[in-house]
Amino acid sequence: MYVVCREHLEQAIDEFVDVYEASPDLYELNNVTFTDWAAPGVCHFCQVAPIYLVV
């Protein structure tokens, strides 16, 4: 699972495919909510606010 900014979306997808050998599901963080999980405040790859969840 990756929580990433727009700049690192492609990198997150590539890493997900390399690890899981499957296409990930993509979600915009502002369009989804979870009861037991809060999104990190920064991108997995940098310190920018995340936009996407890659799972």
N, C-alpha and C. Protein backbone atom coordinates (compact mmCIF):
# COMPACT_ATOMS: atom_id res chain seq x y z
N MET A 1 0.84 -1.17 0.00
CA MET A 1 0.00 0.00 0.00
C MET A 1 0.89 1.23 0.00
N TYR A 2 0.53 2.20 -0.83
CA TYR A 2 1.26 3.45 -0.93
C TYR A 2 0.29 4.61 -0.83
N VAL A 3 0.67 5.64 -0.13
CA VAL A 3 -0.08 6.89 -0.08
C VAL A 3 0.87 7.91 -0.68
N VAL A 4 0.48 8.46 -1.84
CA VAL A 4 1.44 9.25 -2.61
C VAL A 4 0.85 10.54 -3.17
N CYS A 5 1.76 11.44 -3.52
CA CYS A 5 1.39 12.68 -4.20
C CYS A 5 1.28 12.39 -5.70
N ARG A 6 0.82 13.38 -6.44
CA ARG A 6 0.65 13.22 -7.90
C ARG A 6 1.98 12.89 -8.58
N GLU A 7 3.05 13.52 -8.15
CA GLU A 7 4.36 13.33 -8.76
C GLU A 7 4.86 11.88 -8.64
N HIS A 8 4.52 11.20 -7.55
CA HIS A 8 5.04 9.86 -7.30
C HIS A 8 4.03 8.74 -7.58
N LEU A 9 2.90 9.06 -8.19
CA LEU A 9 1.89 8.05 -8.47
C LEU A 9 2.43 6.95 -9.37
N GLU A 10 3.07 7.31 -10.45
CA GLU A 10 3.60 6.30 -11.38
C GLU A 10 4.64 5.41 -10.70
N GLN A 11 5.50 5.98 -9.87
CA GLN A 11 6.51 5.21 -9.15
C GLN A 11 5.84 4.21 -8.20
N ALA A 12 4.80 4.62 -7.52
CA ALA A 12 4.08 3.74 -6.60
C ALA A 12 3.42 2.59 -7.37
N ILE A 13 2.83 2.89 -8.51
CA ILE A 13 2.20 1.83 -9.32
C ILE A 13 3.26 0.84 -9.79
N ASP A 14 4.39 1.34 -10.28
CA ASP A 14 5.47 0.46 -10.74
C ASP A 14 5.97 -0.44 -9.62
N GLU A 15 6.18 0.12 -8.44
CA GLU A 15 6.66 -0.69 -7.31
C GLU A 15 5.62 -1.72 -6.88
N PHE A 16 4.35 -1.33 -6.88
CA PHE A 16 3.28 -2.25 -6.51
C PHE A 16 3.27 -3.44 -7.47
N VAL A 17 3.33 -3.17 -8.76
CA VAL A 17 3.32 -4.24 -9.77
C VAL A 17 4.55 -5.13 -9.62
N ASP A 18 5.71 -4.55 -9.36
CA ASP A 18 6.92 -5.34 -9.16
C ASP A 18 6.80 -6.28 -7.97
N VAL A 19 6.20 -5.80 -6.88
CA VAL A 19 6.10 -6.60 -5.66
C VAL A 19 4.99 -7.63 -5.74
N TYR A 20 3.81 -7.21 -6.17
CA TYR A 20 2.62 -8.08 -6.12
C TYR A 20 2.26 -8.73 -7.44
N GLU A 21 2.93 -8.33 -8.52
CA GLU A 21 2.67 -8.86 -9.86
C GLU A 21 1.19 -8.80 -10.22
N ALA A 22 0.56 -7.69 -9.84
CA ALA A 22 -0.84 -7.44 -10.13
C ALA A 22 -1.04 -5.93 -10.22
N SER A 23 -2.09 -5.53 -10.91
CA SER A 23 -2.41 -4.11 -11.00
C SER A 23 -3.05 -3.64 -9.70
N PRO A 24 -2.67 -2.47 -9.23
CA PRO A 24 -3.24 -1.97 -7.98
C PRO A 24 -4.60 -1.30 -8.22
N ASP A 25 -5.33 -1.11 -7.15
CA ASP A 25 -6.51 -0.26 -7.16
C ASP A 25 -6.05 1.13 -6.75
N LEU A 26 -6.60 2.15 -7.38
CA LEU A 26 -6.22 3.53 -7.09
C LEU A 26 -7.43 4.28 -6.55
N TYR A 27 -7.21 5.05 -5.50
CA TYR A 27 -8.26 5.85 -4.89
C TYR A 27 -7.74 7.25 -4.62
N GLU A 28 -8.58 8.25 -4.81
CA GLU A 28 -8.25 9.60 -4.39
C GLU A 28 -8.60 9.71 -2.92
N LEU A 29 -7.66 10.14 -2.12
CA LEU A 29 -7.87 10.19 -0.67
C LEU A 29 -9.04 11.06 -0.26
N ASN A 30 -9.31 12.13 -0.99
CA ASN A 30 -10.42 13.00 -0.60
C ASN A 30 -11.78 12.42 -0.98
N ASN A 31 -11.80 11.27 -1.69
CA ASN A 31 -13.05 10.63 -2.09
C ASN A 31 -13.35 9.35 -1.33
N VAL A 32 -12.49 8.95 -0.41
CA VAL A 32 -12.71 7.72 0.37
C VAL A 32 -12.52 8.00 1.85
N THR A 33 -13.19 7.21 2.67
CA THR A 33 -13.01 7.31 4.12
C THR A 33 -12.94 5.91 4.70
N PHE A 34 -12.20 5.76 5.76
CA PHE A 34 -12.04 4.49 6.44
C PHE A 34 -12.28 4.72 7.93
N THR A 35 -12.92 3.78 8.59
CA THR A 35 -13.22 3.96 10.01
C THR A 35 -12.02 3.67 10.89
N ASP A 36 -11.16 2.73 10.50
CA ASP A 36 -10.03 2.32 11.34
C ASP A 36 -8.67 2.70 10.78
N TRP A 37 -8.62 3.63 9.85
CA TRP A 37 -7.34 4.00 9.24
C TRP A 37 -7.38 5.48 8.88
N ALA A 38 -6.32 6.17 9.19
CA ALA A 38 -6.15 7.57 8.79
C ALA A 38 -4.93 7.65 7.88
N ALA A 39 -5.08 8.35 6.79
CA ALA A 39 -3.99 8.50 5.83
C ALA A 39 -2.82 9.26 6.45
N PRO A 40 -1.60 8.86 6.15
CA PRO A 40 -0.44 9.62 6.61
C PRO A 40 -0.49 11.04 6.04
N GLY A 41 0.18 11.95 6.69
CA GLY A 41 0.16 13.34 6.27
C GLY A 41 1.09 13.69 5.14
N VAL A 42 1.98 12.75 4.78
CA VAL A 42 2.94 13.02 3.71
C VAL A 42 3.03 11.81 2.77
N CYS A 43 3.48 12.08 1.57
CA CYS A 43 3.70 11.07 0.54
C CYS A 43 4.71 10.03 1.02
N HIS A 44 4.55 8.81 0.55
CA HIS A 44 5.46 7.71 0.87
C HIS A 44 6.89 8.01 0.40
N PHE A 45 7.03 8.81 -0.65
CA PHE A 45 8.33 9.07 -1.26
C PHE A 45 8.91 10.46 -0.97
N CYS A 46 8.09 11.39 -0.49
CA CYS A 46 8.57 12.74 -0.23
C CYS A 46 7.75 13.36 0.90
N GLN A 47 7.89 14.63 1.11
CA GLN A 47 7.21 15.30 2.22
C GLN A 47 5.98 16.11 1.78
N VAL A 48 5.51 15.88 0.56
CA VAL A 48 4.34 16.58 0.03
C VAL A 48 3.08 15.87 0.52
N ALA A 49 1.99 16.62 0.66
CA ALA A 49 0.71 16.03 1.07
C ALA A 49 0.26 14.99 0.03
N PRO A 50 -0.19 13.83 0.46
CA PRO A 50 -0.61 12.78 -0.46
C PRO A 50 -1.98 13.06 -1.08
N ILE A 51 -2.19 12.51 -2.26
CA ILE A 51 -3.45 12.64 -2.97
C ILE A 51 -4.06 11.27 -3.24
N TYR A 52 -3.23 10.26 -3.46
CA TYR A 52 -3.70 8.95 -3.90
C TYR A 52 -3.34 7.83 -2.93
N LEU A 53 -4.22 6.85 -2.89
CA LEU A 53 -3.97 5.60 -2.17
C LEU A 53 -3.84 4.52 -3.23
N VAL A 54 -2.75 3.79 -3.20
CA VAL A 54 -2.47 2.73 -4.17
C VAL A 54 -2.45 1.41 -3.38
N VAL A 55 -3.44 0.56 -3.65
CA VAL A 55 -3.54 -0.73 -2.94
C VAL A 55 -3.83 -1.86 -3.89
